[in-house]
Amino acid sequence: MKETNGASRAVFPPGKDLLSSVVVFLVALPLCMGVAIASGVPPAAGLVTGIVGGILVGLIGGAPLQVSGPAAGLTVLIWELVQSHGLALLGTVVLVAGLMQLIAGLCKTGQWFRAISPSVIHGMLAGIGVLIFASQFHIMVDDKPRGSGLANLLSIPESVYKGLFPMDGASHHVAALLGAITIVTMIAWERFRPKRLANVPGPLLAILLVSAIAMFLKLDVNYVKVPDALVESFVFPSMETLRQVFTKEMLGAAAALAFIASAETLLSTAAVDQMHKGPRANYDRELAAQGIGNILCGFVGGLPMTGVIVRSSANVASGATTKWSAILHGFWLLGTIVMLPDVLRLIPTSGLAAILVYTGFKLFNPARVRLLARFGRGEVAVYLVTLLGIVGTDLLTGVLLGVILAVGKLLYTFTHLTVRCVPCEAERRVDLYLEGAATFVGLPNLARELDAVPAGRLVHLHFEKLNYIDHACLELIHNWRKQHEALGSSLVVQWDDLEERYRTPLGGRPVEADSKLISQAETVGSGH
């Protein structure tokens, strides 16, 4: 009987999952099309990715409650790729990136993708948010984005002017009004949403409202374009694109796409794991599943996918308990584009762009700077370098700059030693405070301070703020003590917890020289 019930649960989704799938579908529908438009591809490409991410990755993935689909975080990279090499090559690059992800998942590297500094991730999200905001602001007024992220940002005043003072019979002001209505509706719904309608997503409500306004007033603005048949949107790889993708530039683009998509997916997976009490995610399986999904998306010319935190959060918040919610939301997307393409064509592109403008603004989130500042100015510096690098150059360069700075900060932390000397002439005493990591790299600094101590002084070494001390520095202190005893100097080590930390740092026996110094320090310091 138990087996029968278990089998029934495996085949038929629980009622909560059915409801959650509808909620996730309503969140995903406008986002899939909006991300596609922001990426410079037809909306159908975003819907295809949402379908594959829901049905295929939802079925085989390692994170049951995570929802996969096109992500705003990849729009900048995809837009640049499409503008430089055209839509035909996009699918092949996505296919190769998916193959890289599949290999990485099979090689059990899923956990390694989580080893990225939070400052880099927050800086990447903020940079992407700025670029999305800047590019979609132009589309929100039925204008065209400029050539680069910085150009988009600098030309926002021009689009504002077009939206306020239309010229030559253009309808920029009408599109701008629809975009403004979309944003105001989402903000108002977030603040004043009735509890009974808590599961109704603000973006969907806003799109329904502006679509109804545009339809009844027959407004002359740009609308979403989707094919009558889904297969008409497919762009299959050709021998020509396969040859082009195996160049240094295209392989680099595929590697960047695979890396960023994997990092975003697995960070989302970790966040979703903290939101529920169900089974924990299998990171390697999820990474491999994302690779398979991107291989299929690339084969049919869809957008690349990642695990997406907004849809996943909606999934958990609406009560999902199994993978069926993600799978069913993919079927609802498929049914919509197959059976209701005329309904999708009623949606103004300015409304979808407005959703992305608002999303970009929220991704920027300057409040993160205050949170990072609690962990030191170095974290803020990594964040700002990543953000400015992405906005000023490109996504991959900005992330690499942030990673390099984060690694440099890490090396500095584990090699830097500060030695502060506080003399007290009245007591013929010198206090030396060691802070940081006392390794052979900081040996010259420590030796210089010790050698500067006048003869006949009582020297106190303070280790309270020392994170680590290696054999070289311990040996230096030991030798200095022996050499200066004849000059009337003596050494007192403020031992406290240093013995516990450094006698057996890994639970084993102490190094002979270290043990010797410890015993001597205990003897010298016993009268203090």
Protein backbone atom coordinates (compact mmCIF):
# COMPACT_ATOMS: atom_id res chain seq x y z
CA MET A 1 0.00 0.00 0.00
CA LYS A 2 2.85 2.36 0.86
CA GLU A 3 4.45 1.61 -2.48
CA THR A 4 1.19 2.41 -4.26
CA ASN A 5 0.88 5.73 -2.45
CA GLY A 6 4.50 6.54 -3.18
CA ALA A 7 3.99 5.74 -6.84
CA SER A 8 0.89 7.90 -6.92
CA ARG A 9 2.82 10.79 -5.46
CA ALA A 10 5.52 10.31 -8.08
CA VAL A 11 3.03 10.42 -10.94
CA PHE A 12 0.41 12.88 -9.77
CA PRO A 13 1.57 16.20 -8.28
CA PRO A 14 0.22 17.27 -4.88
CA GLY A 15 -2.42 20.00 -4.87
CA LYS A 16 0.05 22.57 -3.52
CA ASP A 17 2.39 21.93 -6.44
CA LEU A 18 -0.43 22.44 -8.90
CA LEU A 19 -1.23 25.84 -7.39
CA SER A 20 2.46 26.76 -7.19
CA SER A 21 2.98 25.89 -10.84
CA VAL A 22 0.30 28.38 -11.85
CA VAL A 23 1.86 31.09 -9.69
CA VAL A 24 5.32 30.44 -11.14
CA PHE A 25 3.87 30.43 -14.66
CA LEU A 26 2.26 33.82 -14.10
CA VAL A 27 5.61 35.19 -12.86
CA ALA A 28 7.62 33.55 -15.64
CA LEU A 29 5.46 34.51 -18.63
CA PRO A 30 6.25 38.25 -18.75
CA LEU A 31 9.83 37.71 -17.56
CA CYS A 32 10.65 35.17 -20.29
CA MET A 33 9.54 37.60 -22.99
CA GLY A 34 11.08 40.62 -21.28
CA VAL A 35 14.48 38.96 -20.92
CA ALA A 36 14.35 37.93 -24.59
CA ILE A 37 13.64 41.49 -25.74
CA ALA A 38 16.40 42.80 -23.46
CA SER A 39 18.76 40.27 -25.04
CA GLY A 40 17.95 41.46 -28.56
CA VAL A 41 16.18 38.24 -29.63
CA PRO A 42 12.52 37.42 -30.42
CA PRO A 43 10.27 36.85 -27.37
CA ALA A 44 9.63 33.27 -28.52
CA ALA A 45 13.30 32.45 -27.80
CA GLY A 46 12.77 33.34 -24.15
CA LEU A 47 9.59 31.30 -23.96
CA VAL A 48 11.35 28.28 -25.48
CA THR A 49 14.01 28.50 -22.78
CA GLY A 50 11.35 28.77 -20.08
CA ILE A 51 9.65 25.66 -21.45
CA VAL A 52 12.87 23.63 -21.59
CA GLY A 53 13.95 24.89 -18.18
CA GLY A 54 10.62 23.93 -16.67
CA ILE A 55 9.94 20.56 -18.25
CA LEU A 56 13.38 19.07 -18.93
CA VAL A 57 15.57 20.58 -16.21
CA GLY A 58 12.71 20.40 -13.72
CA LEU A 59 12.49 16.66 -14.43
CA ILE A 60 16.20 15.74 -14.25
CA GLY A 61 17.68 18.55 -12.12
CA GLY A 62 19.19 18.17 -8.67
CA ALA A 63 17.32 21.06 -7.01
CA PRO A 64 13.63 20.03 -6.78
CA LEU A 65 12.22 23.46 -5.89
CA GLN A 66 14.41 25.56 -8.14
CA VAL A 67 12.91 26.98 -11.34
CA SER A 68 15.08 27.43 -14.42
CA GLY A 69 14.62 29.76 -17.37
CA PRO A 70 16.08 32.80 -19.13
CA ALA A 71 17.82 35.10 -16.65
CA ALA A 72 18.27 38.85 -16.60
CA GLY A 73 21.88 38.32 -15.53
CA LEU A 74 22.84 37.03 -18.99
CA THR A 75 21.10 39.68 -21.09
CA VAL A 76 24.18 41.88 -21.42
CA LEU A 77 26.40 39.07 -22.65
CA ILE A 78 23.75 37.77 -25.06
CA TRP A 79 22.93 41.21 -26.42
CA GLU A 80 26.58 41.90 -27.18
CA LEU A 81 26.94 38.49 -28.83
CA VAL A 82 23.85 38.96 -31.01
CA GLN A 83 24.86 42.47 -32.03
CA SER A 84 28.38 41.35 -32.95
CA HIS A 85 27.71 37.99 -34.61
CA GLY A 86 23.99 37.74 -35.31
CA LEU A 87 21.24 35.48 -34.06
CA ALA A 88 22.40 32.45 -36.07
CA LEU A 89 25.57 32.01 -34.02
CA LEU A 90 23.88 32.48 -30.64
CA GLY A 91 22.38 28.99 -30.51
CA THR A 92 25.69 27.33 -31.31
CA VAL A 93 27.50 29.28 -28.57
CA VAL A 94 24.75 28.35 -26.08
CA LEU A 95 25.06 24.70 -27.16
CA VAL A 96 28.83 24.69 -26.55
CA ALA A 97 28.35 26.45 -23.19
CA GLY A 98 25.83 23.78 -22.22
CA LEU A 99 28.31 21.06 -23.17
CA MET A 100 30.90 22.72 -20.89
CA GLN A 101 28.38 22.77 -18.04
CA LEU A 102 27.50 19.11 -18.59
CA ILE A 103 31.17 18.09 -18.47
CA ALA A 104 31.71 20.23 -15.35
CA GLY A 105 28.74 18.58 -13.65
CA LEU A 106 29.90 15.07 -14.56
CA CYS A 107 33.38 15.95 -13.22
CA LYS A 108 31.82 16.86 -9.85
CA THR A 109 32.81 20.54 -9.94
CA GLY A 110 29.43 21.86 -8.82
CA GLN A 111 30.65 22.86 -5.35
CA TRP A 112 33.64 24.74 -6.79
CA PHE A 113 31.39 27.19 -8.59
CA ARG A 114 30.21 28.37 -5.17
CA ALA A 115 33.75 29.49 -4.24
CA ILE A 116 33.25 33.05 -5.46
CA SER A 117 33.52 36.08 -3.21
CA PRO A 118 30.07 37.48 -2.30
CA SER A 119 31.44 40.94 -3.08
CA VAL A 120 32.10 39.84 -6.68
CA ILE A 121 28.62 38.34 -6.97
CA HIS A 122 26.92 41.44 -5.54
CA GLY A 123 29.06 43.65 -7.78
CA MET A 124 28.16 41.52 -10.78
CA LEU A 125 24.45 41.74 -9.99
CA ALA A 126 24.69 45.49 -9.45
CA GLY A 127 26.60 45.98 -12.72
CA ILE A 128 24.09 43.85 -14.60
CA GLY A 129 21.29 45.82 -12.96
CA VAL A 130 22.77 49.12 -14.17
CA LEU A 131 23.18 47.77 -17.71
CA ILE A 132 19.67 46.31 -17.81
CA PHE A 133 18.20 49.55 -16.48
CA ALA A 134 20.12 51.61 -19.05
CA SER A 135 19.30 49.46 -22.08
CA GLN A 136 15.65 48.81 -21.24
CA PHE A 137 14.97 52.45 -20.50
CA HIS A 138 15.29 53.14 -24.22
CA ILE A 139 13.01 50.24 -25.19
CA MET A 140 10.48 51.46 -22.61
CA VAL A 141 9.99 54.57 -24.75
CA ASP A 142 10.00 52.58 -28.04
CA ASP A 143 13.54 53.71 -28.80
CA LYS A 144 16.58 51.59 -29.67
CA PRO A 145 19.43 50.81 -27.24
CA ARG A 146 22.82 52.32 -28.02
CA GLY A 147 26.00 50.43 -28.79
CA SER A 148 27.35 49.82 -25.28
CA GLY A 149 26.33 49.85 -21.65
CA LEU A 150 28.07 53.14 -20.98
CA ALA A 151 26.50 54.69 -24.09
CA ASN A 152 23.06 53.49 -22.96
CA LEU A 153 23.62 55.04 -19.55
CA LEU A 154 24.81 58.39 -20.89
CA SER A 155 21.97 58.65 -23.42
CA ILE A 156 19.13 58.16 -20.89
CA PRO A 157 18.46 61.94 -20.77
CA GLU A 158 17.84 61.81 -24.54
CA SER A 159 15.21 59.10 -24.10
CA VAL A 160 13.62 61.04 -21.24
CA TYR A 161 13.35 64.04 -23.54
CA LYS A 162 11.73 61.91 -26.26
CA GLY A 163 9.26 60.52 -23.76
CA LEU A 164 8.27 64.00 -22.60
CA PHE A 165 8.43 65.98 -25.85
CA PRO A 166 7.59 63.79 -28.86
CA MET A 167 8.70 64.99 -32.28
CA ASP A 168 7.83 64.13 -35.90
CA GLY A 169 4.64 62.36 -34.93
CA ALA A 170 6.52 59.65 -32.99
CA SER A 171 4.73 57.79 -30.19
CA HIS A 172 7.62 57.73 -27.72
CA HIS A 173 5.54 59.59 -25.16
CA VAL A 174 2.72 57.01 -25.38
CA ALA A 175 5.13 54.12 -24.85
CA ALA A 176 6.75 56.01 -21.98
CA LEU A 177 3.34 56.47 -20.34
CA LEU A 178 2.61 52.74 -20.60
CA GLY A 179 6.01 51.99 -19.10
CA ALA A 180 5.39 54.39 -16.22
CA ILE A 181 1.97 52.80 -15.57
CA THR A 182 3.65 49.38 -15.49
CA ILE A 183 6.23 50.42 -12.89
CA VAL A 184 3.74 52.30 -10.71
CA THR A 185 1.39 49.31 -10.79
CA MET A 186 4.13 46.91 -9.66
CA ILE A 187 5.26 49.19 -6.83
CA ALA A 188 1.69 49.82 -5.65
CA TRP A 189 0.85 46.12 -5.79
CA GLU A 190 3.91 45.23 -3.68
CA ARG A 191 2.90 47.70 -0.99
CA PHE A 192 -0.90 47.41 -0.95
CA ARG A 193 -1.58 43.86 -2.17
CA PRO A 194 -4.51 42.22 -0.31
CA LYS A 195 -3.60 39.05 1.58
CA ARG A 196 -6.21 37.08 -0.38
CA LEU A 197 -4.37 37.93 -3.61
CA ALA A 198 -0.86 37.41 -2.26
CA ASN A 199 -0.06 34.88 -4.98
CA VAL A 200 -0.91 37.22 -7.85
CA PRO A 201 2.42 38.57 -9.18
CA GLY A 202 2.72 42.31 -9.70
CA PRO A 203 4.42 42.08 -13.13
CA LEU A 204 1.56 40.02 -14.54
CA LEU A 205 -1.06 42.42 -13.20
CA ALA A 206 0.85 45.38 -14.66
CA ILE A 207 1.14 43.70 -18.09
CA LEU A 208 -2.57 42.88 -18.12
CA LEU A 209 -3.40 46.49 -17.29
CA VAL A 210 -1.22 48.16 -19.93
CA SER A 211 -2.22 45.57 -22.54
CA ALA A 212 -5.88 46.32 -21.90
CA ILE A 213 -5.23 50.07 -22.13
CA ALA A 214 -3.28 49.68 -25.37
CA MET A 215 -5.95 47.40 -26.88
CA PHE A 216 -8.99 49.50 -26.01
CA LEU A 217 -7.35 52.79 -27.04
CA LYS A 218 -5.70 51.17 -30.09
CA LEU A 219 -2.41 52.84 -29.25
CA ASP A 220 0.26 53.08 -31.91
CA VAL A 221 3.17 51.50 -30.00
CA ASN A 222 5.41 48.48 -30.48
CA TYR A 223 3.90 45.11 -29.57
CA VAL A 224 5.33 41.66 -28.88
CA LYS A 225 5.92 39.55 -31.98
CA VAL A 226 5.53 35.79 -31.70
CA PRO A 227 5.20 33.22 -34.50
CA ASP A 228 1.97 31.35 -35.22
CA ALA A 229 3.80 28.05 -34.69
CA LEU A 230 6.54 27.55 -32.11
CA VAL A 231 8.75 25.65 -34.55
CA GLU A 232 8.93 28.77 -36.73
CA SER A 233 11.12 30.37 -34.05
CA PHE A 234 13.68 27.56 -34.07
CA VAL A 235 17.16 28.39 -35.40
CA PHE A 236 19.17 25.21 -35.82
CA PRO A 237 22.99 25.15 -35.96
CA SER A 238 24.55 24.96 -39.42
CA MET A 239 27.95 23.73 -40.54
CA GLU A 240 28.98 27.36 -40.96
CA THR A 241 28.11 28.32 -37.38
CA LEU A 242 29.75 25.15 -36.08
CA ARG A 243 32.97 26.13 -37.83
CA GLN A 244 32.78 29.69 -36.50
CA VAL A 245 32.18 28.66 -32.90
CA PHE A 246 35.52 26.87 -32.66
CA THR A 247 37.48 30.10 -32.80
CA LYS A 248 39.25 31.62 -29.84
CA GLU A 249 36.71 34.45 -29.55
CA MET A 250 33.63 32.24 -29.68
CA LEU A 251 35.03 29.60 -27.34
CA GLY A 252 35.85 32.41 -24.92
CA ALA A 253 32.27 33.67 -25.16
CA ALA A 254 30.93 30.15 -24.55
CA ALA A 255 33.24 29.70 -21.54
CA ALA A 256 32.14 33.06 -20.10
CA LEU A 257 28.50 32.12 -20.64
CA ALA A 258 28.98 28.71 -19.00
CA PHE A 259 30.84 30.19 -16.03
CA ILE A 260 28.38 33.00 -15.30
CA ALA A 261 25.32 30.79 -15.86
CA SER A 262 26.75 28.10 -13.56
CA ALA A 263 27.66 30.58 -10.83
CA GLU A 264 24.22 32.21 -10.95
CA THR A 265 22.48 28.82 -10.95
CA LEU A 266 24.38 27.38 -8.00
CA LEU A 267 24.14 30.56 -5.95
CA SER A 268 20.41 30.47 -6.55
CA THR A 269 20.41 26.78 -5.56
CA ALA A 270 22.13 27.60 -2.27
CA ALA A 271 19.63 30.38 -1.58
CA VAL A 272 16.62 28.15 -2.36
CA ASP A 273 18.00 25.44 -0.06
CA GLN A 274 17.79 27.90 2.81
CA MET A 275 14.14 28.68 2.07
CA HIS A 276 12.67 25.23 2.62
CA LYS A 277 13.07 22.15 4.82
CA GLY A 278 12.76 19.53 2.10
CA PRO A 279 15.49 17.48 0.42
CA ARG A 280 18.81 19.28 -0.11
CA ALA A 281 20.03 20.00 -3.62
CA ASN A 282 22.61 17.93 -5.49
CA TYR A 283 24.83 20.64 -7.00
CA ASP A 284 26.65 18.42 -9.48
CA ARG A 285 23.42 16.95 -10.81
CA GLU A 286 21.86 20.40 -11.08
CA LEU A 287 24.88 21.69 -13.00
CA ALA A 288 24.78 18.73 -15.39
CA ALA A 289 21.02 19.20 -15.89
CA GLN A 290 21.54 22.88 -16.68
CA GLY A 291 24.12 21.81 -19.25
CA ILE A 292 21.68 19.39 -20.92
CA GLY A 293 19.01 22.10 -20.93
CA ASN A 294 21.34 24.62 -22.54
CA ILE A 295 22.44 22.07 -25.14
CA LEU A 296 18.80 21.66 -26.18
CA CYS A 297 18.12 25.43 -26.02
CA GLY A 298 21.18 26.06 -28.15
CA PHE A 299 20.12 23.42 -30.67
CA VAL A 300 16.77 25.15 -31.29
CA GLY A 301 18.11 28.71 -31.02
CA GLY A 302 16.75 29.57 -27.59
CA LEU A 303 18.27 31.77 -24.90
CA PRO A 304 20.64 30.26 -22.32
CA MET A 305 19.09 29.33 -18.99
CA THR A 306 20.04 29.47 -15.34
CA GLY A 307 18.36 28.72 -12.09
CA VAL A 308 16.47 31.94 -11.33
CA ILE A 309 15.92 33.16 -7.80
CA VAL A 310 12.77 35.26 -8.42
CA ARG A 311 10.76 32.37 -9.90
CA SER A 312 12.26 29.90 -7.42
CA SER A 313 11.33 32.15 -4.49
CA ALA A 314 7.76 32.40 -5.80
CA ASN A 315 7.72 28.61 -6.10
CA VAL A 316 8.74 28.05 -2.48
CA ALA A 317 6.56 30.87 -1.12
CA SER A 318 3.47 29.46 -2.81
CA GLY A 319 3.92 26.10 -1.08
CA ALA A 320 5.65 23.85 -3.62
CA THR A 321 6.93 20.57 -2.20
CA THR A 322 8.24 18.64 -5.23
CA LYS A 323 9.72 19.18 -8.69
CA TRP A 324 6.24 18.92 -10.22
CA SER A 325 5.62 22.62 -9.77
CA ALA A 326 8.56 23.58 -12.00
CA ILE A 327 7.65 20.91 -14.55
CA LEU A 328 4.02 21.99 -14.81
CA HIS A 329 4.91 25.67 -15.16
CA GLY A 330 6.85 24.65 -18.29
CA PHE A 331 3.75 22.95 -19.69
CA TRP A 332 1.64 26.07 -18.99
CA LEU A 333 4.19 28.16 -20.95
CA LEU A 334 4.07 25.66 -23.80
CA GLY A 335 0.28 25.70 -23.88
CA THR A 336 0.21 29.50 -23.93
CA ILE A 337 2.53 29.95 -26.89
CA VAL A 338 0.90 27.11 -28.83
CA MET A 339 -2.74 27.97 -28.17
CA LEU A 340 -2.74 31.72 -27.41
CA PRO A 341 -0.17 33.45 -29.63
CA ASP A 342 -2.70 36.17 -30.53
CA VAL A 343 -3.06 37.07 -26.86
CA LEU A 344 0.71 37.49 -26.51
CA ARG A 345 0.72 39.86 -29.48
CA LEU A 346 -1.47 42.28 -27.50
CA ILE A 347 1.37 43.00 -25.04
CA PRO A 348 3.23 46.32 -25.57
CA THR A 349 7.01 45.91 -25.54
CA SER A 350 7.27 49.06 -23.44
CA GLY A 351 5.45 47.25 -20.61
CA LEU A 352 7.87 44.31 -20.70
CA ALA A 353 10.82 46.72 -20.84
CA ALA A 354 9.44 48.56 -17.82
CA ILE A 355 9.47 45.29 -15.86
CA LEU A 356 13.16 44.92 -16.71
CA VAL A 357 13.86 48.56 -15.82
CA TYR A 358 12.39 47.93 -12.40
CA THR A 359 14.26 44.62 -12.12
CA GLY A 360 17.54 46.34 -13.02
CA PHE A 361 16.95 49.01 -10.38
CA LYS A 362 16.33 46.36 -7.72
CA LEU A 363 19.43 44.41 -8.78
CA PHE A 364 21.55 47.52 -8.29
CA ASN A 365 20.37 47.85 -4.66
CA PRO A 366 22.87 50.31 -3.08
CA ALA A 367 21.94 48.99 0.38
CA ARG A 368 24.34 46.10 -0.28
CA VAL A 369 27.26 48.52 0.02
CA ARG A 370 26.36 49.22 3.64
CA LEU A 371 26.16 45.49 4.38
CA LEU A 372 29.52 44.81 2.73
CA ALA A 373 31.10 47.74 4.59
CA ARG A 374 30.57 45.84 7.83
CA PHE A 375 33.19 43.35 6.62
CA GLY A 376 35.77 46.01 5.74
CA ARG A 377 36.61 48.52 3.05
CA GLY A 378 38.30 45.79 1.01
CA GLU A 379 34.94 44.11 0.35
CA VAL A 380 33.46 47.42 -0.81
CA ALA A 381 36.46 47.93 -3.11
CA VAL A 382 35.93 44.50 -4.72
CA TYR A 383 32.23 45.30 -5.18
CA LEU A 384 32.90 48.69 -6.78
CA VAL A 385 35.67 47.41 -9.08
CA THR A 386 33.39 44.63 -10.33
CA LEU A 387 30.46 47.01 -10.84
CA LEU A 388 32.47 49.72 -12.59
CA GLY A 389 34.37 47.15 -14.65
CA ILE A 390 31.13 45.67 -15.98
CA VAL A 391 29.61 49.06 -16.78
CA GLY A 392 32.80 50.50 -18.26
CA THR A 393 33.99 47.46 -20.25
CA ASP A 394 31.99 44.24 -20.44
CA LEU A 395 30.53 41.59 -18.17
CA LEU A 396 33.40 39.09 -18.29
CA THR A 397 36.13 41.71 -17.85
CA GLY A 398 34.34 43.24 -14.89
CA VAL A 399 33.90 39.87 -13.18
CA LEU A 400 37.54 38.93 -13.81
CA LEU A 401 38.70 42.27 -12.35
CA GLY A 402 36.60 41.62 -9.26
CA VAL A 403 37.91 38.06 -8.89
CA ILE A 404 41.53 39.23 -9.28
CA LEU A 405 41.06 41.94 -6.66
CA ALA A 406 39.31 39.49 -4.31
CA VAL A 407 42.20 37.01 -4.65
CA GLY A 408 44.68 39.85 -4.10
CA LYS A 409 42.81 40.90 -0.96
CA LEU A 410 42.85 37.29 0.25
CA LEU A 411 46.60 36.98 -0.31
CA TYR A 412 47.16 40.30 1.46
CA THR A 413 45.07 39.15 4.42
CA PHE A 414 47.01 35.90 4.79
CA THR A 415 50.45 37.43 4.34
CA HIS A 416 50.23 40.90 5.90
CA LEU A 417 51.65 41.46 9.35
CA THR A 418 51.30 44.67 11.35
CA VAL A 419 53.73 45.19 14.21
CA ARG A 420 52.93 48.10 16.50
CA CYS A 421 55.60 49.24 18.97
CA VAL A 422 54.54 51.02 22.20
CA PRO A 423 57.58 52.01 24.32
CA CYS A 424 57.36 52.93 28.01
CA GLU A 425 60.65 54.57 29.04
CA ALA A 426 59.62 54.98 32.69
CA GLU A 427 59.37 51.19 33.11
CA ARG A 428 62.11 50.45 30.56
CA ARG A 429 59.54 48.35 28.76
CA VAL A 430 58.44 47.88 25.14
CA ASP A 431 55.10 46.38 24.07
CA LEU A 432 54.98 44.83 20.59
CA TYR A 433 51.48 44.12 19.27
CA LEU A 434 51.27 41.64 16.38
CA GLU A 435 48.20 41.70 14.15
CA GLY A 436 47.44 39.66 11.02
CA ALA A 437 49.50 36.69 9.84
CA ALA A 438 53.07 36.26 11.04
CA THR A 439 54.58 34.32 8.14
CA PHE A 440 57.98 34.37 6.47
CA VAL A 441 56.63 37.15 4.19
CA GLY A 442 56.30 39.45 7.22
CA LEU A 443 59.62 38.33 8.71
CA PRO A 444 61.57 41.49 7.70
CA ASN A 445 58.95 43.70 9.33
CA LEU A 446 59.03 41.76 12.59
CA ALA A 447 62.84 41.56 12.58
CA ARG A 448 63.14 45.32 12.00
CA GLU A 449 60.92 46.13 14.99
CA LEU A 450 62.72 43.68 17.26
CA ASP A 451 66.15 44.95 16.25
CA ALA A 452 65.06 48.53 16.98
CA VAL A 453 64.40 47.69 20.65
CA PRO A 454 67.08 49.34 22.83
CA ALA A 455 69.26 47.12 25.02
CA GLY A 456 68.13 46.34 28.56
CA ARG A 457 64.40 46.54 27.84
CA LEU A 458 61.63 44.22 28.97
CA VAL A 459 59.82 43.23 25.75
CA HIS A 460 56.22 42.08 25.83
CA LEU A 461 54.87 40.33 22.73
CA HIS A 462 51.08 40.48 22.32
CA PHE A 463 49.43 37.85 20.10
CA GLU A 464 45.75 38.51 20.79
CA LYS A 465 45.02 39.77 17.26
CA LEU A 466 47.32 37.35 15.47
CA ASN A 467 45.58 34.95 13.10
CA TYR A 468 48.54 32.72 12.36
CA ILE A 469 52.26 32.37 13.08
CA ASP A 470 54.59 30.08 11.18
CA HIS A 471 57.85 28.34 12.04
CA ALA A 472 60.03 31.11 10.57
CA CYS A 473 58.62 33.82 12.85
CA LEU A 474 58.69 31.56 15.90
CA GLU A 475 62.34 30.79 15.20
CA LEU A 476 63.11 34.50 14.79
CA ILE A 477 61.60 35.32 18.18
CA HIS A 478 63.46 32.44 19.79
CA ASN A 479 66.83 33.50 18.32
CA TRP A 480 66.27 37.17 19.20
CA ARG A 481 65.65 36.24 22.84
CA LYS A 482 68.87 34.18 23.05
CA GLN A 483 70.98 36.92 21.42
CA HIS A 484 69.63 39.79 23.57
CA GLU A 485 69.71 38.12 26.97
CA ALA A 486 73.42 39.05 27.18
CA LEU A 487 72.50 42.71 26.62
CA GLY A 488 70.11 42.75 29.56
CA SER A 489 66.90 42.37 27.54
CA SER A 490 64.19 39.89 28.43
CA LEU A 491 61.14 38.63 26.60
CA VAL A 492 57.65 38.08 27.92
CA VAL A 493 55.08 36.45 25.66
CA GLN A 494 51.46 37.28 26.36
CA TRP A 495 50.57 33.65 25.88
CA ASP A 496 46.86 33.44 26.68
CA ASP A 497 45.40 31.21 23.97
CA LEU A 498 48.52 31.13 21.79
CA GLU A 499 49.62 27.81 23.28
CA GLU A 500 46.26 26.25 22.49
CA ARG A 501 46.23 27.66 18.96
CA TYR A 502 49.80 26.90 17.94
CA ARG A 503 50.99 23.98 20.04
CA THR A 504 48.82 21.55 18.04
CA PRO A 505 47.21 23.61 15.26
CA LEU A 506 45.92 20.52 13.44
CA GLY A 507 45.36 18.26 16.41
CA GLY A 508 48.81 16.63 16.11
CA ARG A 509 52.19 17.00 17.84
CA PRO A 510 53.93 20.41 17.77
CA VAL A 511 56.86 21.17 15.53
CA GLU A 512 60.07 20.70 17.54
CA ALA A 513 61.30 24.30 17.19
CA ASP A 514 57.85 25.68 17.95
CA SER A 515 57.53 23.47 21.00
CA LYS A 516 60.88 24.65 22.23
CA LEU A 517 59.89 28.29 21.94
CA ILE A 518 56.56 27.61 23.63
CA SER A 519 58.27 26.06 26.62
CA GLN A 520 60.73 28.94 26.85
CA ALA A 521 58.01 31.53 26.53
CA GLU A 522 56.01 29.85 29.28
CA THR A 523 59.09 29.93 31.53
CA VAL A 524 59.92 33.56 30.79
CA GLY A 525 56.32 34.67 31.09
CA SER A 526 55.51 32.74 34.23
CA GLY A 527 56.25 35.70 36.48
CA HIS A 528 54.07 38.14 34.59
